[in-house]
Amino acid sequence: MVHTSEQIITIHGAWHGQTNEPGRVFKGKIVRSDLPGLRKGTNAEVTFGHSAGRTHDAAEHGTYTLIAGSKTLPLMSFICRSVGTTGQHRTNDTQEADWQAVPLG
């Protein structure tokens, strides 16, 4: 089921730091936003916070947070949309690409 009320923010950028580093951060610029107050060209960062221990509930594994302008938003999802054509698979998230952020709520 697709929710048409989702507000999508597209950010062009890349992850900085090693996958297992606590200070790893995604840095980029907003190239498209359905969210009022977040305009094209705004610098953006996304961080991932996670629990230090084992968890049983998928919601407890971690959360992405978008920081852009004066806004800090928890995200429902943050996925790369620059995969390319059918048959290509992109695994290097330290290369610049378009990523889609969907805020909670």
Protein backbone atom coordinates (compact mmCIF):
# COMPACT_ATOMS: atom_id res chain seq x y z
CA MET A 1 0.00 0.00 0.00
CA VAL A 2 1.44 3.40 -0.99
CA HIS A 3 0.76 6.40 1.22
CA THR A 4 0.32 9.47 -0.98
CA SER A 5 0.67 11.81 2.01
CA GLU A 6 4.39 11.01 2.48
CA GLN A 7 6.64 14.03 2.16
CA ILE A 8 9.84 13.13 0.35
CA ILE A 9 13.14 14.99 0.53
CA THR A 10 15.83 14.17 -2.04
CA ILE A 11 19.41 14.86 -0.94
CA HIS A 12 22.46 14.61 -3.20
CA GLY A 13 25.50 13.62 -1.20
CA ALA A 14 27.50 10.78 0.34
CA TRP A 15 28.32 9.06 3.62
CA HIS A 16 31.55 10.06 5.36
CA GLY A 17 33.35 7.65 7.68
CA GLN A 18 33.45 3.88 8.10
CA THR A 19 30.21 1.90 8.33
CA ASN A 20 30.79 0.94 11.96
CA GLU A 21 31.98 4.40 13.11
CA PRO A 22 29.70 6.09 15.67
CA GLY A 23 30.42 9.51 14.12
CA ARG A 24 29.56 8.48 10.54
CA VAL A 25 27.49 11.14 8.79
CA PHE A 26 25.81 11.68 5.42
CA LYS A 27 26.46 15.17 4.00
CA GLY A 28 24.81 16.74 1.01
CA LYS A 29 22.43 19.34 -0.42
CA ILE A 30 18.69 19.16 -0.84
CA VAL A 31 17.75 18.87 -4.51
CA ARG A 32 13.98 18.38 -4.00
CA SER A 33 11.65 18.74 -1.04
CA ASP A 34 7.93 18.29 -0.43
CA LEU A 35 8.39 19.67 3.09
CA PRO A 36 7.65 23.37 3.62
CA GLY A 37 10.69 25.24 4.94
CA LEU A 38 13.29 22.94 3.34
CA ARG A 39 14.39 24.45 0.07
CA LYS A 40 16.56 23.26 -2.77
CA GLY A 41 20.23 24.03 -2.10
CA THR A 42 19.97 23.76 1.70
CA ASN A 43 22.91 21.90 3.27
CA ALA A 44 21.79 18.69 4.95
CA GLU A 45 23.23 16.02 7.22
CA VAL A 46 21.82 12.63 8.14
CA THR A 47 23.04 10.66 11.12
CA PHE A 48 22.27 7.13 12.24
CA GLY A 49 21.91 6.33 15.92
CA HIS A 50 21.58 2.78 17.18
CA SER A 51 21.28 0.75 20.32
CA ALA A 52 24.52 -0.62 21.75
CA GLY A 53 22.95 -3.96 22.68
CA ARG A 54 20.99 -6.66 20.91
CA THR A 55 17.33 -5.91 20.27
CA HIS A 56 14.33 -8.02 19.37
CA ASP A 57 12.14 -5.28 17.93
CA ALA A 58 13.07 -3.97 14.46
CA ALA A 59 12.15 -0.42 15.52
CA GLU A 60 14.87 -0.56 18.18
CA HIS A 61 17.75 -1.23 15.75
CA GLY A 62 18.37 2.44 15.04
CA THR A 63 17.07 5.68 13.63
CA TYR A 64 18.10 8.13 10.93
CA THR A 65 17.89 11.83 11.73
CA LEU A 66 17.92 14.65 9.16
CA ILE A 67 19.42 18.01 10.12
CA ALA A 68 18.84 20.75 7.55
CA GLY A 69 18.54 24.47 8.10
CA SER A 70 16.80 24.95 11.46
CA LYS A 71 15.02 21.57 11.26
CA THR A 72 15.90 18.27 12.92
CA LEU A 73 13.63 15.45 11.77
CA PRO A 74 13.52 11.74 12.60
CA LEU A 75 13.22 9.72 9.39
CA MET A 76 11.00 6.77 8.53
CA SER A 77 13.43 5.80 5.76
CA PHE A 78 16.61 6.96 4.05
CA ILE A 79 17.49 5.09 0.86
CA CYS A 80 19.65 5.60 -2.21
CA ARG A 81 17.72 6.28 -5.42
CA SER A 82 20.74 6.56 -7.78
CA VAL A 83 21.01 2.86 -8.50
CA GLY A 84 20.85 3.40 -12.25
CA THR A 85 19.44 1.05 -14.84
CA THR A 86 18.19 -2.48 -14.36
CA GLY A 87 20.93 -4.94 -13.51
CA GLN A 88 23.21 -2.42 -11.79
CA HIS A 89 23.82 -2.60 -8.07
CA ARG A 90 25.51 0.18 -6.16
CA THR A 91 27.26 -0.70 -2.91
CA ASN A 92 29.66 2.23 -2.38
CA ASP A 93 27.68 4.75 -0.33
CA THR A 94 30.71 7.07 -0.05
CA GLN A 95 30.19 8.11 -3.69
CA GLU A 96 27.83 11.03 -4.28
CA ALA A 97 24.32 9.99 -5.23
CA ASP A 98 20.65 10.98 -4.78
CA TRP A 99 19.08 9.67 -1.56
CA GLN A 100 15.43 9.92 -0.51
CA ALA A 101 14.48 10.80 3.04
CA VAL A 102 10.94 10.26 4.32
CA PRO A 103 10.26 12.03 7.65
CA LEU A 104 8.18 10.33 10.35
CA GLY A 105 4.70 11.68 10.78
